[in-house]
Each structure stands twice: as C-alpha cells, then as structure tokens.
Amino acid sequence: MEVNNGQTISMFERISRVLFIIMGALITAIGLEAVLIPNGIIDGGITGISILLSHLTGFSLSLFLFILNIPFVFIGYKVLGKSFAFSSVIGITFLSIATSLLHHIPTIISGDTMLVAVLGGIMIGLGVGIVLRKGGALDGTEILAILIAKKFPLSVGEVIMSINVLIFSFAMLIYGLRGALCSAIAYFIAMKVIDMVQTGFDESKIL
C-alpha cells in the first residue's frame, strides 16, 4: 500500500497509474518522432529545448530529455512530494527511451504543415494530459507550470503556453517563421487538449 495525500493507494491503483503514465509517454513519443520532428515542427518546454539542442549538436534527443529534466524532478520531489516525483521519473524515463527506439519509424503524415501541427498537437496534448492526470509529468516545464498554477488563477496549459512563446521565438532562428508558427499552433492545440483531459472527465461526472 502507498499513502498519497492521506489516502491509501492499493497495488492495483499503483500499477494502473504506472501503465497509464507509460501509455501517455508512448503517445507523446509517437507524436514527436512520427509527426512533429520529421516535419520541422517542435514541441514546447524542456522537450522543445531538447529538440533544438539535438538539432544543433547532433546528439540524441533522448539524452537531452533525460538530463535537462533531472533538476525539475528534484524540485517536484521537494515541493509536490515523492509520489509526484516517482511518477514523473517513470514518465520522463520512458519518454526518453521511447523517442530513442522510435527515432527511425516512418512519418505518419507529411507535407501539409497545418494538418501536421493539428495532429501533432492532439497527440502531444493527449499524452501529456494523461500523465498529468495520473499525478506525474513528462516535461520539467509542466512541473514548473503546476507550481505556478497552484499560486495563480491560471491553468497548467496556459502557463506552459506562456513559457513556450520564448522557446518558439528562438526556434524561428532555426526552423524559420513558418516552422515556429506551426510549432506554436501545435502547442496551442496541445494546451487545449491537456486542459480537456485534466478537467473534462471531472466535468462530465457533474453533468
């Protein structure tokens, strides 16, 4: 048994949570490697920074994903607790492994950048939303956004989008204006999907 926020969590619930986090990480990895990255569109947050660094240095994306997120997991452990940090480590580790294994898979869609941005945004938002809903995070920016959202009347998605404005501005220097705009569109869609996944089920229970 595990105790979380005063509530006892059964082994079945723990296993279920881990499986959902792995599923969310896998969906996100497919969205990155089979949709966004091959089309010159990046994700936001630490993942976006990792994509940019991988592009500039030639080193593996999975390496940057893991290393750059370590400090944020530590912050999450100190502020949000052991359970959150544990779930985040699982999600980030599996995302790193999955992006490495899926790096050479065929691109699902290419050519129509707007359609790519929409599909990629939906997949990223769904994957990230599932992990957040299960008490973890796939990106250090999400951990920071959760902390900010606890103190201000903003959703996690809104905080993440604000941070990403800076990242997409830098991405414009590498991928051009079109690539940066499509990246922003993709993450705007992802932001909405994240909020829907986090709050949609709760709202549906009220109806």
N, C-alpha and C. Protein backbone atom coordinates (compact mmCIF):
# COMPACT_ATOMS: atom_id res chain seq x y z
N MET A 1 0.83 -1.20 0.00
CA MET A 1 0.00 0.00 0.00
C MET A 1 0.87 1.26 0.00
N GLU A 2 0.39 2.29 -0.68
CA GLU A 2 1.08 3.58 -0.71
C GLU A 2 0.11 4.64 -0.20
N VAL A 3 0.64 5.57 0.58
CA VAL A 3 -0.18 6.65 1.11
C VAL A 3 0.13 7.91 0.33
N ASN A 4 -0.90 8.53 -0.24
CA ASN A 4 -0.74 9.74 -1.03
C ASN A 4 -1.77 10.76 -0.60
N ASN A 5 -1.28 11.90 -0.04
CA ASN A 5 -2.18 12.95 0.44
C ASN A 5 -3.19 12.41 1.47
N GLY A 6 -2.70 11.51 2.31
CA GLY A 6 -3.56 10.98 3.35
C GLY A 6 -4.45 9.83 2.91
N GLN A 7 -4.40 9.48 1.62
CA GLN A 7 -5.24 8.40 1.10
C GLN A 7 -4.37 7.19 0.78
N THR A 8 -4.88 6.02 1.11
CA THR A 8 -4.15 4.78 0.84
C THR A 8 -4.43 4.33 -0.59
N ILE A 9 -3.36 4.07 -1.31
CA ILE A 9 -3.47 3.64 -2.71
C ILE A 9 -3.11 2.16 -2.79
N SER A 10 -3.98 1.37 -3.38
CA SER A 10 -3.75 -0.06 -3.49
C SER A 10 -2.71 -0.37 -4.55
N MET A 11 -2.21 -1.59 -4.51
CA MET A 11 -1.22 -2.02 -5.50
C MET A 11 -1.81 -1.95 -6.91
N PHE A 12 -3.09 -2.33 -7.04
CA PHE A 12 -3.74 -2.27 -8.36
C PHE A 12 -3.76 -0.84 -8.88
N GLU A 13 -4.07 0.12 -8.00
CA GLU A 13 -4.11 1.52 -8.42
C GLU A 13 -2.73 2.02 -8.80
N ARG A 14 -1.71 1.58 -8.09
CA ARG A 14 -0.33 1.97 -8.41
C ARG A 14 0.08 1.44 -9.78
N ILE A 15 -0.24 0.16 -10.04
CA ILE A 15 0.11 -0.45 -11.33
C ILE A 15 -0.65 0.24 -12.46
N SER A 16 -1.94 0.50 -12.20
CA SER A 16 -2.77 1.18 -13.20
C SER A 16 -2.20 2.56 -13.53
N ARG A 17 -1.77 3.28 -12.50
CA ARG A 17 -1.20 4.61 -12.70
C ARG A 17 0.06 4.54 -13.55
N VAL A 18 0.93 3.59 -13.23
CA VAL A 18 2.18 3.43 -13.99
C VAL A 18 1.90 3.11 -15.45
N LEU A 19 0.94 2.21 -15.71
CA LEU A 19 0.60 1.82 -17.08
C LEU A 19 0.05 3.01 -17.87
N PHE A 20 -0.79 3.82 -17.23
CA PHE A 20 -1.32 5.00 -17.91
C PHE A 20 -0.22 6.00 -18.20
N ILE A 21 0.72 6.16 -17.27
CA ILE A 21 1.84 7.08 -17.49
C ILE A 21 2.70 6.60 -18.66
N ILE A 22 2.95 5.31 -18.71
CA ILE A 22 3.73 4.75 -19.83
C ILE A 22 2.98 4.95 -21.14
N MET A 23 1.67 4.74 -21.13
CA MET A 23 0.87 4.95 -22.33
C MET A 23 0.93 6.41 -22.78
N GLY A 24 0.81 7.34 -21.83
CA GLY A 24 0.89 8.76 -22.16
C GLY A 24 2.25 9.13 -22.74
N ALA A 25 3.31 8.56 -22.17
CA ALA A 25 4.66 8.82 -22.68
C ALA A 25 4.83 8.27 -24.09
N LEU A 26 4.26 7.08 -24.34
CA LEU A 26 4.36 6.47 -25.66
C LEU A 26 3.63 7.29 -26.72
N ILE A 27 2.42 7.76 -26.39
CA ILE A 27 1.66 8.59 -27.32
C ILE A 27 2.43 9.87 -27.64
N THR A 28 3.04 10.46 -26.61
CA THR A 28 3.83 11.68 -26.80
C THR A 28 5.04 11.41 -27.69
N ALA A 29 5.73 10.30 -27.45
CA ALA A 29 6.90 9.95 -28.25
C ALA A 29 6.54 9.75 -29.72
N ILE A 30 5.42 9.10 -29.98
CA ILE A 30 4.97 8.90 -31.37
C ILE A 30 4.64 10.25 -32.00
N GLY A 31 3.97 11.11 -31.24
CA GLY A 31 3.65 12.44 -31.75
C GLY A 31 4.90 13.23 -32.12
N LEU A 32 5.95 13.05 -31.34
CA LEU A 32 7.21 13.74 -31.62
C LEU A 32 7.93 13.14 -32.82
N GLU A 33 8.19 11.84 -32.75
CA GLU A 33 9.07 11.20 -33.73
C GLU A 33 8.39 10.86 -35.06
N ALA A 34 7.07 10.70 -35.06
CA ALA A 34 6.38 10.31 -36.29
C ALA A 34 5.55 11.43 -36.90
N VAL A 35 5.44 12.56 -36.18
CA VAL A 35 4.61 13.65 -36.69
C VAL A 35 5.37 14.98 -36.71
N LEU A 36 5.75 15.47 -35.55
CA LEU A 36 6.29 16.83 -35.46
C LEU A 36 7.73 16.97 -35.97
N ILE A 37 8.64 16.27 -35.35
CA ILE A 37 10.07 16.46 -35.64
C ILE A 37 10.42 16.23 -37.10
N PRO A 38 9.92 15.17 -37.77
CA PRO A 38 10.27 14.97 -39.18
C PRO A 38 9.78 16.10 -40.09
N ASN A 39 8.82 16.87 -39.62
CA ASN A 39 8.26 17.96 -40.41
C ASN A 39 8.77 19.34 -39.98
N GLY A 40 9.85 19.34 -39.19
CA GLY A 40 10.44 20.60 -38.79
C GLY A 40 9.59 21.40 -37.83
N ILE A 41 8.78 20.72 -37.01
CA ILE A 41 7.95 21.37 -36.01
C ILE A 41 8.36 20.83 -34.65
N ILE A 42 8.53 21.73 -33.67
CA ILE A 42 8.99 21.29 -32.37
C ILE A 42 7.88 21.32 -31.34
N ASP A 43 8.14 20.65 -30.24
CA ASP A 43 7.26 20.70 -29.08
C ASP A 43 7.71 21.89 -28.23
N GLY A 44 7.04 22.12 -27.12
CA GLY A 44 7.43 23.21 -26.25
C GLY A 44 8.18 22.73 -25.03
N GLY A 45 8.47 23.65 -24.11
CA GLY A 45 9.08 23.31 -22.84
C GLY A 45 10.48 22.72 -22.97
N ILE A 46 10.85 21.91 -21.97
CA ILE A 46 12.15 21.26 -21.97
C ILE A 46 12.28 20.34 -23.18
N THR A 47 11.17 19.74 -23.58
CA THR A 47 11.18 18.88 -24.77
C THR A 47 11.56 19.69 -26.00
N GLY A 48 10.99 20.88 -26.14
CA GLY A 48 11.33 21.74 -27.27
C GLY A 48 12.78 22.16 -27.24
N ILE A 49 13.27 22.52 -26.06
CA ILE A 49 14.68 22.88 -25.91
C ILE A 49 15.57 21.69 -26.27
N SER A 50 15.16 20.50 -25.86
CA SER A 50 15.93 19.28 -26.16
C SER A 50 15.98 19.03 -27.66
N ILE A 51 14.84 19.26 -28.34
CA ILE A 51 14.80 19.08 -29.80
C ILE A 51 15.76 20.05 -30.48
N LEU A 52 15.75 21.30 -30.03
CA LEU A 52 16.64 22.32 -30.60
C LEU A 52 18.11 21.95 -30.37
N LEU A 53 18.44 21.54 -29.16
CA LEU A 53 19.82 21.17 -28.85
C LEU A 53 20.26 19.93 -29.63
N SER A 54 19.35 18.97 -29.78
CA SER A 54 19.66 17.78 -30.56
C SER A 54 19.93 18.14 -32.02
N HIS A 55 19.12 19.07 -32.54
CA HIS A 55 19.29 19.53 -33.92
C HIS A 55 20.63 20.25 -34.10
N LEU A 56 21.01 21.06 -33.12
CA LEU A 56 22.23 21.87 -33.23
C LEU A 56 23.50 21.06 -32.98
N THR A 57 23.41 20.07 -32.09
CA THR A 57 24.62 19.33 -31.70
C THR A 57 24.75 17.97 -32.36
N GLY A 58 23.63 17.40 -32.78
CA GLY A 58 23.67 16.06 -33.36
C GLY A 58 23.57 14.95 -32.33
N PHE A 59 23.54 15.32 -31.05
CA PHE A 59 23.39 14.31 -30.00
C PHE A 59 21.93 13.84 -29.91
N SER A 60 21.74 12.69 -29.28
CA SER A 60 20.42 12.08 -29.19
C SER A 60 19.43 12.96 -28.43
N LEU A 61 18.21 13.03 -28.95
CA LEU A 61 17.14 13.75 -28.26
C LEU A 61 16.87 13.14 -26.90
N SER A 62 16.88 11.82 -26.82
CA SER A 62 16.59 11.14 -25.56
C SER A 62 17.56 11.55 -24.46
N LEU A 63 18.82 11.79 -24.83
CA LEU A 63 19.83 12.20 -23.86
C LEU A 63 19.48 13.55 -23.23
N PHE A 64 19.12 14.51 -24.05
CA PHE A 64 18.75 15.84 -23.55
C PHE A 64 17.45 15.79 -22.74
N LEU A 65 16.50 14.98 -23.20
CA LEU A 65 15.23 14.85 -22.49
C LEU A 65 15.45 14.41 -21.05
N PHE A 66 16.35 13.46 -20.88
CA PHE A 66 16.58 12.92 -19.54
C PHE A 66 17.40 13.88 -18.68
N ILE A 67 18.51 14.38 -19.22
CA ILE A 67 19.42 15.21 -18.43
C ILE A 67 18.79 16.54 -18.02
N LEU A 68 18.12 17.21 -18.96
CA LEU A 68 17.58 18.54 -18.67
C LEU A 68 16.40 18.50 -17.70
N ASN A 69 15.76 17.35 -17.60
CA ASN A 69 14.59 17.26 -16.72
C ASN A 69 14.93 16.90 -15.28
N ILE A 70 16.15 16.42 -15.04
CA ILE A 70 16.54 15.98 -13.70
C ILE A 70 16.35 17.07 -12.64
N PRO A 71 16.81 18.31 -12.87
CA PRO A 71 16.62 19.34 -11.82
C PRO A 71 15.15 19.60 -11.50
N PHE A 72 14.29 19.52 -12.51
CA PHE A 72 12.87 19.79 -12.28
C PHE A 72 12.20 18.66 -11.51
N VAL A 73 12.65 17.44 -11.74
CA VAL A 73 12.12 16.31 -10.97
C VAL A 73 12.50 16.48 -9.50
N PHE A 74 13.71 16.97 -9.25
CA PHE A 74 14.15 17.21 -7.88
C PHE A 74 13.27 18.27 -7.22
N ILE A 75 12.97 19.34 -7.97
CA ILE A 75 12.08 20.39 -7.45
C ILE A 75 10.70 19.81 -7.16
N GLY A 76 10.22 18.98 -8.10
CA GLY A 76 8.92 18.35 -7.91
C GLY A 76 8.89 17.48 -6.67
N TYR A 77 9.99 16.79 -6.40
CA TYR A 77 10.08 15.94 -5.22
C TYR A 77 10.00 16.78 -3.94
N LYS A 78 10.72 17.91 -3.94
CA LYS A 78 10.76 18.78 -2.76
C LYS A 78 9.42 19.47 -2.49
N VAL A 79 8.75 19.88 -3.56
CA VAL A 79 7.55 20.71 -3.41
C VAL A 79 6.25 19.90 -3.51
N LEU A 80 6.21 18.97 -4.47
CA LEU A 80 4.97 18.25 -4.74
C LEU A 80 4.93 16.84 -4.16
N GLY A 81 6.06 16.36 -3.64
CA GLY A 81 6.04 15.08 -2.95
C GLY A 81 6.69 13.93 -3.72
N LYS A 82 6.92 12.84 -2.98
CA LYS A 82 7.59 11.67 -3.52
C LYS A 82 6.78 10.99 -4.61
N SER A 83 5.47 10.92 -4.42
CA SER A 83 4.62 10.23 -5.39
C SER A 83 4.67 10.92 -6.76
N PHE A 84 4.61 12.25 -6.73
CA PHE A 84 4.68 13.01 -7.99
C PHE A 84 6.03 12.82 -8.65
N ALA A 85 7.10 12.89 -7.87
CA ALA A 85 8.45 12.73 -8.42
C ALA A 85 8.63 11.34 -9.01
N PHE A 86 8.13 10.33 -8.31
CA PHE A 86 8.23 8.95 -8.79
C PHE A 86 7.51 8.79 -10.12
N SER A 87 6.28 9.32 -10.20
CA SER A 87 5.51 9.23 -11.43
C SER A 87 6.20 9.98 -12.57
N SER A 88 6.80 11.12 -12.25
CA SER A 88 7.48 11.92 -13.27
C SER A 88 8.72 11.21 -13.79
N VAL A 89 9.47 10.58 -12.88
CA VAL A 89 10.67 9.84 -13.29
C VAL A 89 10.29 8.72 -14.26
N ILE A 90 9.21 8.02 -13.95
CA ILE A 90 8.73 6.95 -14.84
C ILE A 90 8.38 7.53 -16.21
N GLY A 91 7.60 8.61 -16.21
CA GLY A 91 7.17 9.20 -17.47
C GLY A 91 8.32 9.73 -18.30
N ILE A 92 9.21 10.49 -17.68
CA ILE A 92 10.35 11.08 -18.39
C ILE A 92 11.30 10.01 -18.89
N THR A 93 11.57 9.00 -18.05
CA THR A 93 12.47 7.92 -18.45
C THR A 93 11.89 7.16 -19.64
N PHE A 94 10.61 6.83 -19.57
CA PHE A 94 10.01 6.07 -20.67
C PHE A 94 9.91 6.92 -21.93
N LEU A 95 9.65 8.23 -21.78
CA LEU A 95 9.63 9.11 -22.95
C LEU A 95 10.99 9.15 -23.62
N SER A 96 12.05 9.22 -22.82
CA SER A 96 13.41 9.23 -23.35
C SER A 96 13.72 7.94 -24.11
N ILE A 97 13.36 6.82 -23.50
CA ILE A 97 13.60 5.52 -24.14
C ILE A 97 12.77 5.39 -25.42
N ALA A 98 11.50 5.79 -25.34
CA ALA A 98 10.60 5.65 -26.48
C ALA A 98 11.05 6.50 -27.67
N THR A 99 11.50 7.74 -27.43
CA THR A 99 11.95 8.59 -28.53
C THR A 99 13.20 8.00 -29.19
N SER A 100 14.03 7.34 -28.39
CA SER A 100 15.22 6.70 -28.95
C SER A 100 14.84 5.50 -29.81
N LEU A 101 13.93 4.67 -29.32
CA LEU A 101 13.52 3.47 -30.05
C LEU A 101 12.69 3.79 -31.29
N LEU A 102 11.93 4.90 -31.23
CA LEU A 102 11.03 5.25 -32.33
C LEU A 102 11.63 6.27 -33.30
N HIS A 103 12.90 6.58 -33.12
CA HIS A 103 13.53 7.67 -33.88
C HIS A 103 13.44 7.46 -35.39
N HIS A 104 13.50 6.22 -35.83
CA HIS A 104 13.51 5.96 -37.27
C HIS A 104 12.20 5.37 -37.80
N ILE A 105 11.13 5.48 -37.04
CA ILE A 105 9.86 4.97 -37.55
C ILE A 105 9.34 5.87 -38.67
N PRO A 106 8.54 5.30 -39.57
CA PRO A 106 8.01 6.11 -40.69
C PRO A 106 7.16 7.27 -40.19
N THR A 107 7.22 8.37 -40.92
CA THR A 107 6.42 9.54 -40.59
C THR A 107 4.95 9.25 -40.89
N ILE A 108 4.07 9.54 -39.94
CA ILE A 108 2.64 9.29 -40.13
C ILE A 108 2.06 10.20 -41.19
N ILE A 109 2.48 11.46 -41.17
CA ILE A 109 1.94 12.45 -42.10
C ILE A 109 3.02 13.48 -42.42
N SER A 110 3.02 13.98 -43.64
CA SER A 110 3.99 14.99 -44.03
C SER A 110 3.39 15.86 -45.14
N GLY A 111 4.01 16.99 -45.39
CA GLY A 111 3.56 17.86 -46.47
C GLY A 111 2.67 18.98 -46.00
N ASP A 112 1.49 18.66 -45.52
CA ASP A 112 0.53 19.67 -45.08
C ASP A 112 0.89 20.08 -43.65
N THR A 113 1.62 21.19 -43.51
CA THR A 113 2.13 21.58 -42.20
C THR A 113 1.02 21.89 -41.20
N MET A 114 -0.09 22.43 -41.68
CA MET A 114 -1.19 22.73 -40.76
C MET A 114 -1.80 21.45 -40.21
N LEU A 115 -2.00 20.45 -41.07
CA LEU A 115 -2.53 19.18 -40.62
C LEU A 115 -1.55 18.49 -39.68
N VAL A 116 -0.26 18.62 -39.98
CA VAL A 116 0.78 18.07 -39.11
C VAL A 116 0.71 18.70 -37.73
N ALA A 117 0.57 20.04 -37.70
CA ALA A 117 0.50 20.76 -36.43
C ALA A 117 -0.72 20.33 -35.62
N VAL A 118 -1.86 20.15 -36.29
CA VAL A 118 -3.09 19.75 -35.60
C VAL A 118 -2.95 18.35 -35.02
N LEU A 119 -2.52 17.40 -35.87
CA LEU A 119 -2.38 16.02 -35.40
C LEU A 119 -1.34 15.90 -34.31
N GLY A 120 -0.19 16.56 -34.52
CA GLY A 120 0.86 16.51 -33.52
C GLY A 120 0.42 17.13 -32.21
N GLY A 121 -0.29 18.25 -32.28
CA GLY A 121 -0.78 18.90 -31.08
C GLY A 121 -1.75 18.04 -30.30
N ILE A 122 -2.64 17.37 -31.02
CA ILE A 122 -3.60 16.48 -30.37
C ILE A 122 -2.89 15.32 -29.67
N MET A 123 -1.92 14.73 -30.34
CA MET A 123 -1.20 13.59 -29.76
C MET A 123 -0.38 14.00 -28.55
N ILE A 124 0.33 15.12 -28.67
CA ILE A 124 1.13 15.60 -27.54
C ILE A 124 0.23 15.95 -26.36
N GLY A 125 -0.86 16.67 -26.65
CA GLY A 125 -1.77 17.06 -25.58
C GLY A 125 -2.40 15.87 -24.89
N LEU A 126 -2.78 14.87 -25.67
CA LEU A 126 -3.38 13.67 -25.09
C LEU A 126 -2.39 12.93 -24.21
N GLY A 127 -1.17 12.73 -24.73
CA GLY A 127 -0.15 12.02 -23.95
C GLY A 127 0.22 12.73 -22.67
N VAL A 128 0.51 14.02 -22.80
CA VAL A 128 0.89 14.82 -21.62
C VAL A 128 -0.27 14.91 -20.64
N GLY A 129 -1.48 15.09 -21.15
CA GLY A 129 -2.65 15.20 -20.29
C GLY A 129 -2.89 13.95 -19.47
N ILE A 130 -2.69 12.79 -20.08
CA ILE A 130 -2.87 11.52 -19.36
C ILE A 130 -1.88 11.43 -18.20
N VAL A 131 -0.62 11.78 -18.48
CA VAL A 131 0.41 11.69 -17.44
C VAL A 131 0.14 12.68 -16.31
N LEU A 132 -0.23 13.91 -16.67
CA LEU A 132 -0.55 14.91 -15.65
C LEU A 132 -1.73 14.46 -14.80
N ARG A 133 -2.73 13.89 -15.44
CA ARG A 133 -3.92 13.44 -14.72
C ARG A 133 -3.60 12.31 -13.76
N LYS A 134 -2.57 11.52 -14.09
CA LYS A 134 -2.18 10.42 -13.23
C LYS A 134 -1.11 10.82 -12.21
N GLY A 135 -0.88 12.12 -12.07
CA GLY A 135 -0.01 12.59 -11.00
C GLY A 135 1.45 12.69 -11.32
N GLY A 136 1.79 12.74 -12.61
CA GLY A 136 3.19 12.87 -12.99
C GLY A 136 3.37 13.94 -14.05
N ALA A 137 4.55 14.00 -14.64
CA ALA A 137 4.83 14.97 -15.69
C ALA A 137 5.86 14.39 -16.64
N LEU A 138 5.82 14.81 -17.90
CA LEU A 138 6.78 14.37 -18.91
C LEU A 138 7.83 15.43 -19.20
N ASP A 139 7.65 16.60 -18.64
CA ASP A 139 8.49 17.74 -19.00
C ASP A 139 8.66 18.62 -17.77
N GLY A 140 9.89 19.10 -17.56
CA GLY A 140 10.15 19.96 -16.42
C GLY A 140 9.30 21.21 -16.42
N THR A 141 8.94 21.68 -17.61
CA THR A 141 8.10 22.87 -17.71
C THR A 141 6.74 22.61 -17.09
N GLU A 142 6.25 21.38 -17.23
CA GLU A 142 4.96 21.02 -16.64
C GLU A 142 5.03 21.09 -15.11
N ILE A 143 6.16 20.66 -14.56
CA ILE A 143 6.34 20.73 -13.11
C ILE A 143 6.32 22.18 -12.65
N LEU A 144 7.07 23.03 -13.37
CA LEU A 144 7.07 24.45 -13.06
C LEU A 144 5.68 25.05 -13.21
N ALA A 145 4.97 24.64 -14.27
CA ALA A 145 3.62 25.16 -14.53
C ALA A 145 2.64 24.75 -13.44
N ILE A 146 2.77 23.53 -12.94
CA ILE A 146 1.90 23.06 -11.86
C ILE A 146 2.11 23.92 -10.61
N LEU A 147 3.36 24.24 -10.30
CA LEU A 147 3.66 25.07 -9.13
C LEU A 147 3.07 26.46 -9.29
N ILE A 148 3.22 27.04 -10.49
CA ILE A 148 2.68 28.38 -10.75
C ILE A 148 1.17 28.36 -10.71
N ALA A 149 0.57 27.32 -11.32
CA ALA A 149 -0.90 27.22 -11.37
C ALA A 149 -1.51 27.09 -9.97
N LYS A 150 -0.74 26.54 -9.03
CA LYS A 150 -1.23 26.41 -7.66
C LYS A 150 -1.31 27.77 -6.96
N LYS A 151 -0.52 28.74 -7.44
CA LYS A 151 -0.44 30.04 -6.78
C LYS A 151 -1.22 31.13 -7.51
N PHE A 152 -1.51 30.92 -8.80
CA PHE A 152 -2.18 31.94 -9.59
C PHE A 152 -3.40 31.34 -10.31
N PRO A 153 -4.38 32.18 -10.66
CA PRO A 153 -5.61 31.69 -11.31
C PRO A 153 -5.37 31.37 -12.79
N LEU A 154 -4.47 30.45 -13.05
CA LEU A 154 -4.14 30.04 -14.41
C LEU A 154 -4.17 28.52 -14.50
N SER A 155 -4.51 28.02 -15.68
CA SER A 155 -4.45 26.58 -15.88
C SER A 155 -3.01 26.18 -16.18
N VAL A 156 -2.71 24.90 -16.03
CA VAL A 156 -1.38 24.40 -16.35
C VAL A 156 -1.06 24.67 -17.82
N GLY A 157 -2.04 24.45 -18.68
CA GLY A 157 -1.82 24.66 -20.11
C GLY A 157 -1.50 26.10 -20.45
N GLU A 158 -2.15 27.06 -19.78
CA GLU A 158 -1.91 28.48 -20.04
C GLU A 158 -0.50 28.89 -19.62
N VAL A 159 -0.04 28.36 -18.49
CA VAL A 159 1.31 28.67 -18.02
C VAL A 159 2.35 28.11 -18.99
N ILE A 160 2.13 26.88 -19.43
CA ILE A 160 3.05 26.24 -20.36
C ILE A 160 3.14 27.03 -21.66
N MET A 161 2.00 27.48 -22.16
CA MET A 161 1.99 28.22 -23.42
C MET A 161 2.76 29.52 -23.29
N SER A 162 2.66 30.18 -22.15
CA SER A 162 3.38 31.43 -21.94
C SER A 162 4.89 31.21 -21.99
N ILE A 163 5.35 30.15 -21.36
CA ILE A 163 6.78 29.82 -21.38
C ILE A 163 7.24 29.51 -22.79
N ASN A 164 6.36 28.84 -23.55
CA ASN A 164 6.74 28.40 -24.88
C ASN A 164 6.88 29.53 -25.89
N VAL A 165 6.29 30.68 -25.61
CA VAL A 165 6.43 31.82 -26.51
C VAL A 165 7.91 32.14 -26.71
N LEU A 166 8.67 32.09 -25.62
CA LEU A 166 10.11 32.36 -25.70
C LEU A 166 10.84 31.27 -26.50
N ILE A 167 10.44 30.03 -26.27
CA ILE A 167 11.10 28.92 -26.96
C ILE A 167 10.82 28.96 -28.45
N PHE A 168 9.57 29.24 -28.83
CA PHE A 168 9.23 29.30 -30.25
C PHE A 168 9.86 30.50 -30.94
N SER A 169 10.08 31.56 -30.19
CA SER A 169 10.77 32.71 -30.76
C SER A 169 12.20 32.34 -31.15
N PHE A 170 12.85 31.57 -30.31
CA PHE A 170 14.20 31.10 -30.63
C PHE A 170 14.17 30.08 -31.77
N ALA A 171 13.13 29.25 -31.79
CA ALA A 171 13.01 28.23 -32.83
C ALA A 171 12.90 28.87 -34.22
N MET A 172 12.39 30.09 -34.26
CA MET A 172 12.24 30.78 -35.54
C MET A 172 13.60 30.99 -36.22
N LEU A 173 14.67 31.14 -35.41
CA LEU A 173 16.01 31.33 -35.96
C LEU A 173 16.52 30.07 -36.65
N ILE A 174 15.99 28.92 -36.24
CA ILE A 174 16.46 27.64 -36.79
C ILE A 174 15.52 27.08 -37.85
N TYR A 175 14.22 27.11 -37.56
CA TYR A 175 13.24 26.50 -38.46
C TYR A 175 12.49 27.52 -39.31
N GLY A 176 12.79 28.80 -39.10
CA GLY A 176 12.11 29.82 -39.88
C GLY A 176 10.78 30.21 -39.27
N LEU A 177 10.17 31.25 -39.83
CA LEU A 177 8.91 31.76 -39.30
C LEU A 177 7.80 30.72 -39.40
N ARG A 178 7.73 30.03 -40.54
CA ARG A 178 6.67 29.03 -40.73
C ARG A 178 6.77 27.90 -39.71
N GLY A 179 8.00 27.40 -39.50
CA GLY A 179 8.19 26.32 -38.54
C GLY A 179 7.84 26.74 -37.13
N ALA A 180 8.23 27.98 -36.77
CA ALA A 180 7.93 28.49 -35.42
C ALA A 180 6.44 28.68 -35.23
N LEU A 181 5.76 29.23 -36.24
CA LEU A 181 4.31 29.45 -36.14
C LEU A 181 3.56 28.12 -36.05
N CYS A 182 3.97 27.15 -36.85
CA CYS A 182 3.32 25.84 -36.80
C CYS A 182 3.57 25.17 -35.46
N SER A 183 4.77 25.38 -34.89
CA SER A 183 5.07 24.83 -33.57
C SER A 183 4.16 25.46 -32.52
N ALA A 184 3.96 26.78 -32.63
CA ALA A 184 3.08 27.48 -31.69
C ALA A 184 1.64 26.99 -31.82
N ILE A 185 1.20 26.77 -33.07
CA ILE A 185 -0.15 26.27 -33.30
C ILE A 185 -0.32 24.87 -32.71
N ALA A 186 0.69 24.04 -32.94
CA ALA A 186 0.64 22.67 -32.41
C ALA A 186 0.53 22.67 -30.90
N TYR A 187 1.30 23.55 -30.25
CA TYR A 187 1.24 23.53 -28.80
C TYR A 187 0.01 24.24 -28.25
N PHE A 188 -0.53 25.18 -29.01
CA PHE A 188 -1.80 25.78 -28.59
C PHE A 188 -2.89 24.71 -28.57
N ILE A 189 -2.89 23.87 -29.60
CA ILE A 189 -3.85 22.76 -29.65
C ILE A 189 -3.58 21.78 -28.51
N ALA A 190 -2.29 21.49 -28.28
CA ALA A 190 -1.92 20.58 -27.19
C ALA A 190 -2.38 21.14 -25.85
N MET A 191 -2.25 22.45 -25.67
CA MET A 191 -2.67 23.09 -24.42
C MET A 191 -4.15 22.85 -24.16
N LYS A 192 -4.97 23.01 -25.20
CA LYS A 192 -6.41 22.81 -25.06
C LYS A 192 -6.74 21.35 -24.75
N VAL A 193 -6.01 20.44 -25.42
CA VAL A 193 -6.25 19.01 -25.18
C VAL A 193 -5.82 18.64 -23.76
N ILE A 194 -4.70 19.20 -23.29
CA ILE A 194 -4.24 18.95 -21.92
C ILE A 194 -5.33 19.35 -20.92
N ASP A 195 -5.86 20.55 -21.09
CA ASP A 195 -6.91 21.02 -20.19
C ASP A 195 -8.16 20.15 -20.26
N MET A 196 -8.51 19.69 -21.48
CA MET A 196 -9.68 18.83 -21.64
C MET A 196 -9.48 17.50 -20.93
N VAL A 197 -8.28 16.93 -21.08
CA VAL A 197 -8.01 15.63 -20.45
C VAL A 197 -8.01 15.77 -18.93
N GLN A 198 -7.45 16.88 -18.43
CA GLN A 198 -7.37 17.07 -16.98
C GLN A 198 -8.72 17.38 -16.35
N THR A 199 -9.54 18.18 -17.03
CA THR A 199 -10.79 18.61 -16.42
C THR A 199 -12.05 18.00 -17.05
N GLY A 200 -11.92 17.50 -18.24
CA GLY A 200 -13.10 17.02 -18.98
C GLY A 200 -13.84 15.90 -18.27
N PHE A 201 -13.09 14.92 -17.76
CA PHE A 201 -13.73 13.80 -17.10
C PHE A 201 -14.42 14.21 -15.82
N ASP A 202 -13.77 15.14 -15.08
CA ASP A 202 -14.38 15.62 -13.85
C ASP A 202 -15.67 16.36 -14.13
N GLU A 203 -15.66 17.19 -15.19
CA GLU A 203 -16.87 17.94 -15.54
C GLU A 203 -17.98 17.01 -16.00
N SER A 204 -17.61 15.94 -16.71
CA SER A 204 -18.62 15.01 -17.22
C SER A 204 -19.31 14.27 -16.07
N LYS A 205 -18.60 14.12 -14.94
CA LYS A 205 -19.20 13.44 -13.78
C LYS A 205 -20.26 14.32 -13.14
N ILE A 206 -20.09 15.64 -13.31
CA ILE A 206 -21.05 16.57 -12.71
C ILE A 206 -22.35 16.61 -13.48
N LEU A 207 -22.25 16.43 -14.83
CA LEU A 207 -23.43 16.53 -15.69
C LEU A 207 -24.40 15.37 -15.45
